[in-house]
N, C-alpha and C. Protein backbone atom coordinates (compact mmCIF):
# COMPACT_ATOMS: atom_id res chain seq x y z
N MET A 1 106.10 105.91 129.66
CA MET A 1 106.42 105.10 128.70
C MET A 1 108.00 105.09 127.82
N LYS A 2 108.91 104.11 128.34
CA LYS A 2 110.08 104.22 127.68
C LYS A 2 110.02 103.23 126.34
N ILE A 3 110.48 104.07 125.30
CA ILE A 3 110.54 103.05 124.11
C ILE A 3 111.96 102.94 123.75
N THR A 4 112.58 101.72 123.36
CA THR A 4 113.78 102.02 123.00
C THR A 4 114.17 102.19 121.60
N ASP A 5 113.02 101.45 120.65
CA ASP A 5 113.04 101.96 119.63
C ASP A 5 111.57 101.71 118.78
N PRO A 6 111.30 103.52 118.48
CA PRO A 6 109.94 103.56 117.73
C PRO A 6 109.82 103.03 116.96
N GLY A 7 110.81 102.82 115.81
CA GLY A 7 111.05 102.53 114.42
C GLY A 7 110.65 103.86 113.99
N ASP A 8 110.25 103.64 112.49
CA ASP A 8 110.45 104.92 111.60
C ASP A 8 108.57 105.55 112.02
N PHE A 9 108.40 106.17 112.98
CA PHE A 9 106.74 106.40 113.17
C PHE A 9 106.30 106.99 112.38
N HIS A 10 107.37 108.16 111.44
CA HIS A 10 106.80 109.12 110.49
C HIS A 10 105.98 108.13 109.20
N GLU A 11 106.61 106.88 108.77
CA GLU A 11 106.01 105.97 107.82
C GLU A 11 105.43 105.56 107.99
N ARG A 12 104.71 105.16 109.42
CA ARG A 12 103.84 104.08 109.97
C ARG A 12 102.73 105.11 110.32
N ILE A 13 102.72 106.58 110.46
CA ILE A 13 101.59 107.38 110.59
C ILE A 13 100.88 107.45 109.17
N ARG A 14 102.28 107.92 108.03
CA ARG A 14 101.95 107.93 106.59
C ARG A 14 101.24 107.27 106.20
N HIS A 15 101.39 105.77 106.36
CA HIS A 15 100.57 104.57 105.83
C HIS A 15 99.28 104.48 106.43
N SER A 16 99.11 104.60 107.59
CA SER A 16 98.13 104.36 108.24
C SER A 16 97.19 105.55 108.08
N PHE A 17 97.31 106.78 107.57
CA PHE A 17 96.65 108.00 107.57
C PHE A 17 96.35 107.88 106.18
N ALA A 18 97.05 107.19 105.24
CA ALA A 18 96.69 107.12 103.49
C ALA A 18 95.41 106.00 103.72
N LYS A 19 95.09 105.19 104.74
CA LYS A 19 94.00 104.10 104.79
C LYS A 19 92.98 104.77 105.66
N GLN A 20 92.85 105.98 105.96
CA GLN A 20 91.69 106.62 106.76
C GLN A 20 90.67 107.51 105.45
N ASN A 21 89.63 106.59 105.54
CA ASN A 21 88.93 107.00 104.04
C ASN A 21 88.24 108.16 104.60
N ALA A 22 87.72 108.18 105.55
CA ALA A 22 86.82 109.54 106.69
C ALA A 22 87.91 110.81 106.49
N MET A 23 88.81 110.52 106.41
CA MET A 23 90.03 111.84 106.27
C MET A 23 89.96 112.27 104.68
N GLU A 24 90.17 111.20 103.86
CA GLU A 24 90.02 111.38 102.42
C GLU A 24 88.56 112.19 102.26
N MET A 25 87.71 111.57 102.48
CA MET A 25 86.52 112.56 102.21
C MET A 25 86.08 113.57 102.51
N LEU A 26 86.90 114.07 103.97
CA LEU A 26 86.63 115.42 104.31
C LEU A 26 87.62 116.47 103.55
N GLY A 27 88.78 115.84 102.79
CA GLY A 27 89.89 116.31 101.96
C GLY A 27 91.13 116.58 103.17
N ALA A 28 91.03 116.13 103.97
CA ALA A 28 92.22 116.22 105.14
C ALA A 28 93.68 115.53 104.38
N GLU A 29 94.67 116.55 104.88
CA GLU A 29 95.93 116.36 104.36
C GLU A 29 96.71 116.05 105.96
N LEU A 30 97.78 115.13 105.63
CA LEU A 30 98.64 114.96 106.87
C LEU A 30 99.75 115.94 106.70
N THR A 31 100.15 117.18 107.45
CA THR A 31 101.01 117.68 107.09
C THR A 31 102.11 118.23 108.02
N ARG A 32 102.36 117.49 109.12
CA ARG A 32 103.62 117.48 109.91
C ARG A 32 103.27 116.46 111.08
N ILE A 33 104.70 115.90 111.22
CA ILE A 33 104.81 114.78 111.65
C ILE A 33 106.14 114.82 112.78
N GLN A 34 105.96 115.09 113.83
CA GLN A 34 107.16 114.93 114.89
C GLN A 34 107.17 114.27 116.24
N GLN A 35 107.85 113.87 116.86
CA GLN A 35 107.90 113.33 118.33
C GLN A 35 106.89 113.93 118.77
N GLY A 36 105.71 113.48 119.21
CA GLY A 36 104.71 113.98 119.83
C GLY A 36 103.64 114.95 119.58
N MET A 37 103.78 115.12 118.39
CA MET A 37 102.89 116.07 117.79
C MET A 37 102.89 115.59 116.35
N VAL A 38 101.39 116.11 115.80
CA VAL A 38 100.89 115.95 114.56
C VAL A 38 100.12 117.07 113.83
N GLU A 39 100.25 117.44 112.61
CA GLU A 39 99.00 118.39 112.13
C GLU A 39 98.66 117.86 111.15
N ILE A 40 97.31 118.04 110.92
CA ILE A 40 96.40 117.85 109.90
C ILE A 40 95.67 119.24 109.11
N GLU A 41 95.85 119.00 107.75
CA GLU A 41 95.05 120.37 107.38
C GLU A 41 93.78 120.43 106.19
N LEU A 42 92.89 121.10 106.48
CA LEU A 42 91.62 120.79 105.76
C LEU A 42 91.46 121.84 105.23
N PRO A 43 91.15 122.16 103.71
CA PRO A 43 90.66 123.38 103.18
C PRO A 43 88.93 123.43 103.15
N PHE A 44 88.33 124.82 103.38
CA PHE A 44 87.41 124.88 103.48
C PHE A 44 86.41 124.44 102.45
N ASP A 45 85.46 123.72 102.62
CA ASP A 45 84.32 123.30 101.65
C ASP A 45 82.98 123.49 102.09
N PRO A 46 82.26 124.12 101.59
CA PRO A 46 80.94 124.50 101.77
C PRO A 46 80.12 123.09 102.30
N LYS A 47 80.43 121.79 101.73
CA LYS A 47 79.63 120.94 102.09
C LYS A 47 79.68 120.22 103.08
N LEU A 48 81.19 120.72 103.90
CA LEU A 48 81.06 120.68 105.35
C LEU A 48 80.79 121.54 106.32
N THR A 49 79.80 122.27 106.14
CA THR A 49 79.27 123.48 107.02
C THR A 49 77.80 122.91 107.75
N GLN A 50 77.82 123.33 108.70
CA GLN A 50 76.17 123.41 109.31
C GLN A 50 75.43 124.47 108.51
N GLN A 51 74.25 124.96 109.39
CA GLN A 51 73.35 125.49 108.50
C GLN A 51 73.47 127.14 108.50
N HIS A 52 74.68 127.58 109.65
CA HIS A 52 74.90 128.80 109.57
C HIS A 52 76.17 129.20 108.31
N GLY A 53 76.53 128.11 107.71
CA GLY A 53 77.77 128.21 106.98
C GLY A 53 79.21 128.14 107.70
N PHE A 54 79.39 127.66 108.83
CA PHE A 54 80.31 127.28 109.93
C PHE A 54 80.65 126.21 109.70
N LEU A 55 82.22 125.80 109.76
CA LEU A 55 82.27 124.34 109.72
C LEU A 55 81.66 123.64 110.73
N HIS A 56 80.95 122.38 110.52
CA HIS A 56 80.33 121.69 111.32
C HIS A 56 81.09 121.44 112.50
N GLY A 57 80.64 121.22 113.84
CA GLY A 57 81.26 120.52 114.84
C GLY A 57 81.65 119.47 114.85
N GLY A 58 81.05 118.33 113.99
CA GLY A 58 81.73 116.89 113.86
C GLY A 58 83.02 117.04 113.39
N VAL A 59 82.45 117.84 112.20
CA VAL A 59 83.87 117.87 110.88
C VAL A 59 85.13 118.70 111.79
N ILE A 60 84.73 119.18 112.68
CA ILE A 60 86.46 120.08 113.36
C ILE A 60 86.46 118.95 114.36
N SER A 61 85.71 118.03 114.95
CA SER A 61 86.23 116.93 115.87
C SER A 61 86.91 115.87 115.03
N ALA A 62 86.18 115.13 114.01
CA ALA A 62 86.81 114.30 113.15
C ALA A 62 88.64 114.52 113.05
N PRO A 63 89.13 115.43 112.50
CA PRO A 63 90.50 115.63 112.15
C PRO A 63 91.37 115.71 113.17
N LEU A 64 90.48 116.38 114.61
CA LEU A 64 91.55 116.67 115.58
C LEU A 64 91.46 115.37 116.37
N GLU A 65 90.64 114.74 116.45
CA GLU A 65 90.98 113.42 117.39
C GLU A 65 91.80 112.66 116.63
N THR A 66 91.72 112.60 115.15
CA THR A 66 92.83 111.90 114.58
C THR A 66 94.01 112.47 114.66
N ALA A 67 94.25 113.86 114.56
CA ALA A 67 95.91 114.15 114.89
C ALA A 67 96.09 113.84 116.16
N CYS A 68 95.42 113.97 117.14
CA CYS A 68 95.53 113.52 118.76
C CYS A 68 96.28 112.27 118.77
N THR A 69 95.70 111.07 118.02
CA THR A 69 95.59 109.71 117.95
C THR A 69 97.15 109.69 116.91
N TYR A 70 97.34 110.16 115.73
CA TYR A 70 98.47 109.86 115.66
C TYR A 70 99.71 110.43 116.10
N ALA A 71 99.65 111.50 117.02
CA ALA A 71 100.42 112.38 117.85
C ALA A 71 100.96 111.11 118.95
N ALA A 72 100.01 110.55 119.31
CA ALA A 72 100.07 109.51 120.46
C ALA A 72 100.88 108.13 119.70
N TYR A 73 100.94 107.94 118.21
CA TYR A 73 101.67 106.85 117.52
C TYR A 73 102.97 107.17 117.70
N THR A 74 103.72 108.44 117.84
CA THR A 74 104.59 108.68 118.02
C THR A 74 105.28 108.24 119.00
N ALA A 75 104.70 108.02 120.02
CA ALA A 75 105.11 107.82 121.48
C ALA A 75 104.76 106.07 121.73
N ILE A 76 104.56 104.96 121.01
CA ILE A 76 104.14 103.62 120.74
C ILE A 76 104.92 102.88 120.32
N ALA A 77 105.38 101.72 120.77
CA ALA A 77 106.32 100.70 119.82
C ALA A 77 105.81 100.28 118.27
N PRO A 78 106.50 99.97 117.37
CA PRO A 78 105.73 99.64 116.07
C PRO A 78 104.87 98.43 115.97
N GLU A 79 104.99 97.43 117.22
CA GLU A 79 104.10 96.69 117.21
C GLU A 79 102.62 96.61 117.65
N VAL A 80 102.39 97.85 118.23
CA VAL A 80 101.34 97.99 118.74
C VAL A 80 100.53 98.78 118.03
N SER A 81 99.49 99.13 118.57
CA SER A 81 98.49 100.03 117.84
C SER A 81 97.31 100.81 118.85
N LEU A 82 96.50 101.76 118.45
CA LEU A 82 95.92 102.77 119.43
C LEU A 82 94.19 102.49 119.12
N LEU A 83 93.47 102.87 119.98
CA LEU A 83 92.08 102.78 119.78
C LEU A 83 91.90 104.01 120.74
N THR A 84 91.09 105.17 120.25
CA THR A 84 90.62 106.12 120.99
C THR A 84 89.55 105.44 121.92
N ILE A 85 89.53 105.88 123.24
CA ILE A 85 88.20 105.52 123.85
C ILE A 85 87.65 106.34 124.56
N GLU A 86 87.86 107.87 124.64
CA GLU A 86 87.37 108.90 124.79
C GLU A 86 87.65 110.37 124.02
N PHE A 87 86.75 111.07 123.98
CA PHE A 87 87.38 112.64 123.75
C PHE A 87 86.19 113.58 124.27
N LYS A 88 86.67 114.87 124.53
CA LYS A 88 86.23 116.05 124.77
C LYS A 88 86.34 116.98 124.03
N VAL A 89 85.42 117.45 123.42
CA VAL A 89 85.84 118.63 122.41
C VAL A 89 85.10 120.04 123.07
N ASN A 90 85.84 120.98 123.13
CA ASN A 90 85.15 122.32 123.33
C ASN A 90 85.21 122.83 121.97
N LEU A 91 83.96 123.72 121.41
CA LEU A 91 83.79 124.66 120.47
C LEU A 91 84.08 125.85 120.87
N LEU A 92 85.30 126.85 120.67
CA LEU A 92 85.48 127.93 121.12
C LEU A 92 85.01 128.97 120.46
N SER A 93 84.99 128.70 119.17
CA SER A 93 84.82 129.89 117.94
C SER A 93 84.13 129.19 116.87
N PRO A 94 83.29 130.17 116.00
CA PRO A 94 82.79 129.74 114.54
C PRO A 94 83.77 129.22 114.09
N GLY A 95 83.61 127.94 113.22
CA GLY A 95 84.72 127.26 112.36
C GLY A 95 84.54 128.38 110.86
N ARG A 96 85.38 129.29 110.84
CA ARG A 96 84.96 130.42 109.64
C ARG A 96 86.64 130.35 109.19
N GLY A 97 86.82 129.98 107.95
CA GLY A 97 88.20 130.18 107.53
C GLY A 97 88.41 129.80 106.22
N GLU A 98 89.56 129.99 105.44
CA GLU A 98 89.77 129.25 104.21
C GLU A 98 90.39 127.95 104.45
N ARG A 99 91.03 127.80 105.64
CA ARG A 99 91.96 126.50 105.63
C ARG A 99 91.69 126.33 107.32
N PHE A 100 92.06 125.07 107.65
CA PHE A 100 91.55 124.66 109.08
C PHE A 100 92.97 123.67 109.65
N LEU A 101 93.33 124.09 110.56
CA LEU A 101 94.53 123.39 111.22
C LEU A 101 94.48 122.73 112.40
N PHE A 102 94.69 121.33 112.41
CA PHE A 102 94.29 120.81 113.54
C PHE A 102 95.84 119.86 114.03
N ARG A 103 95.91 120.40 115.07
CA ARG A 103 97.01 120.04 116.26
C ARG A 103 96.83 118.98 117.48
N GLY A 104 97.48 117.56 117.01
CA GLY A 104 97.39 117.17 118.48
C GLY A 104 98.58 116.83 119.06
N GLU A 105 99.02 116.94 120.34
CA GLU A 105 100.00 116.88 121.17
C GLU A 105 99.70 115.67 122.36
N VAL A 106 100.73 114.92 122.47
CA VAL A 106 100.76 113.85 123.64
C VAL A 106 101.02 114.84 124.74
N THR A 107 100.00 114.80 125.50
CA THR A 107 99.95 114.96 127.19
C THR A 107 100.86 113.91 127.96
N LYS A 108 100.07 112.54 128.17
CA LYS A 108 100.71 111.86 129.13
C LYS A 108 100.77 110.53 128.53
N PRO A 109 102.00 110.29 127.92
CA PRO A 109 102.37 108.90 127.61
C PRO A 109 101.99 107.82 128.51
N GLY A 110 101.43 106.47 128.19
CA GLY A 110 101.74 105.57 129.14
C GLY A 110 101.72 104.02 128.44
N SER A 111 101.84 103.10 129.17
CA SER A 111 101.91 101.68 128.66
C SER A 111 100.36 101.10 127.84
N THR A 112 99.56 101.67 128.83
CA THR A 112 98.20 101.35 128.58
C THR A 112 97.43 102.44 128.01
N ILE A 113 97.39 103.70 128.39
CA ILE A 113 96.46 104.69 128.17
C ILE A 113 97.32 105.60 127.71
N ILE A 114 97.23 106.40 126.70
CA ILE A 114 97.92 107.79 126.67
C ILE A 114 96.87 108.83 126.09
N VAL A 115 96.93 110.13 126.77
CA VAL A 115 96.09 111.07 126.74
C VAL A 115 97.11 112.22 125.95
N ALA A 116 96.21 112.64 125.05
CA ALA A 116 96.70 113.69 123.85
C ALA A 116 95.48 115.12 123.91
N ASP A 117 96.40 116.03 123.95
CA ASP A 117 95.46 117.25 124.12
C ASP A 117 95.63 117.84 122.28
N GLY A 118 94.28 118.38 121.99
CA GLY A 118 94.41 119.12 120.46
C GLY A 118 93.78 120.43 120.42
N ARG A 119 94.40 121.11 119.55
CA ARG A 119 93.85 122.57 119.45
C ARG A 119 93.58 122.66 117.71
N ALA A 120 92.26 122.94 117.25
CA ALA A 120 92.04 123.29 115.81
C ALA A 120 92.01 125.08 115.79
N TYR A 121 92.35 125.51 114.64
CA TYR A 121 92.50 126.77 114.37
C TYR A 121 91.88 126.86 112.58
N ALA A 122 91.45 128.38 112.84
CA ALA A 122 90.92 128.63 111.47
C ALA A 122 91.87 129.44 110.73
N ILE A 123 92.16 129.20 109.61
CA ILE A 123 93.50 130.11 109.02
C ILE A 123 92.36 130.81 107.64
N GLY A 124 92.92 132.37 107.66
CA GLY A 124 92.27 132.92 106.68
C GLY A 124 93.19 134.25 106.79
N ASP A 125 92.26 135.41 106.68
CA ASP A 125 93.20 136.74 106.26
C ASP A 125 93.28 137.06 108.10
N GLY A 126 94.16 137.75 108.26
CA GLY A 126 95.12 137.68 109.87
C GLY A 126 95.48 136.39 110.35
N PRO A 127 95.48 136.63 111.77
CA PRO A 127 96.57 135.44 112.42
C PRO A 127 95.36 134.26 112.59
N ALA A 128 96.10 133.17 112.89
CA ALA A 128 94.69 131.91 112.88
C ALA A 128 94.27 132.11 114.21
N LYS A 129 93.23 131.60 113.98
CA LYS A 129 92.19 131.71 115.27
C LYS A 129 91.86 130.50 115.95
N LEU A 130 91.80 130.47 117.22
CA LEU A 130 91.51 128.80 117.98
C LEU A 130 90.02 128.80 117.79
N ILE A 131 89.66 127.53 117.58
CA ILE A 131 88.19 127.18 117.31
C ILE A 131 87.62 126.14 118.10
N ALA A 132 88.90 125.23 118.62
CA ALA A 132 88.18 124.44 118.85
C ALA A 132 89.52 123.80 120.11
N SER A 133 89.10 123.03 120.89
CA SER A 133 90.02 122.22 121.86
C SER A 133 89.61 121.04 122.15
N MET A 134 90.36 120.04 122.41
CA MET A 134 90.17 118.52 122.73
C MET A 134 91.15 117.90 123.62
N THR A 135 90.51 116.87 124.70
CA THR A 135 91.34 116.06 125.06
C THR A 135 90.93 114.46 124.89
N THR A 136 92.08 113.89 124.50
CA THR A 136 91.71 112.56 124.21
C THR A 136 92.31 111.19 124.96
N SER A 137 91.67 110.29 125.28
CA SER A 137 92.29 109.36 125.76
C SER A 137 92.45 108.00 124.86
N MET A 138 93.52 107.28 124.83
CA MET A 138 93.67 106.18 123.66
C MET A 138 93.90 105.01 124.48
N MET A 139 93.82 103.82 123.74
CA MET A 139 93.88 102.81 124.57
C MET A 139 95.27 102.14 123.73
N VAL A 140 96.10 101.62 124.24
CA VAL A 140 97.03 101.03 123.48
C VAL A 140 96.64 99.41 123.36
N ILE A 141 96.80 99.16 122.27
CA ILE A 141 96.23 97.35 121.56
C ILE A 141 97.56 96.66 121.28
N ARG A 142 97.25 95.85 121.75
CA ARG A 142 98.56 94.32 121.81
C ARG A 142 97.99 93.25 121.48
N ASP A 143 98.54 92.44 120.44
CA ASP A 143 97.98 91.02 120.19
C ASP A 143 96.67 91.02 119.33
N ARG A 144 96.12 92.01 118.95
CA ARG A 144 94.73 91.70 118.20
C ARG A 144 94.97 91.71 116.96
N GLN A 145 94.63 90.44 116.43
CA GLN A 145 94.71 90.90 114.60
C GLN A 145 93.59 91.77 114.23
N ASP A 146 92.10 91.80 114.67
CA ASP A 146 91.68 92.82 114.01
C ASP A 146 91.64 94.21 114.08
N VAL A 147 92.65 94.46 115.11
CA VAL A 147 93.13 96.02 114.83
C VAL A 147 94.84 95.84 114.81
N VAL A 148 95.31 95.95 113.59
CA VAL A 148 96.56 96.04 113.06
C VAL A 148 97.07 97.11 112.29
N GLU A 149 97.89 97.67 112.17
CA GLU A 149 98.45 98.64 111.27
C GLU A 149 99.17 98.13 110.39
């Protein structure tokens, strides 16, 4: 998809993220925005764990899908929006760390469907550890008053 003027996607993404009540509830922060890539970070909180004390798989999936979707926002025109239509997540290692990094990157931009891939990392002592991967598909939404940024 060729966009001659994507507008200020940085501000558009920050504004949209600020309206994400789910991300606020999790304590997630938008930490990096660049063309084709977005990062979100989340501090460890025992309230977000499953019965073994690891970050819950659903909690991992939510900011990872959000990072992928906002990465796709860097590839669309300002007057359109996106909705996720599918995602597949692979939980690769227990979610154990002091912080978590969720990175979404556009894999295939398109005028109707955009595909993005994501990676989630646990950060603590030592190098960051890959804990999950995701592939998402987003549908570009045009001319819908109920889906507006």
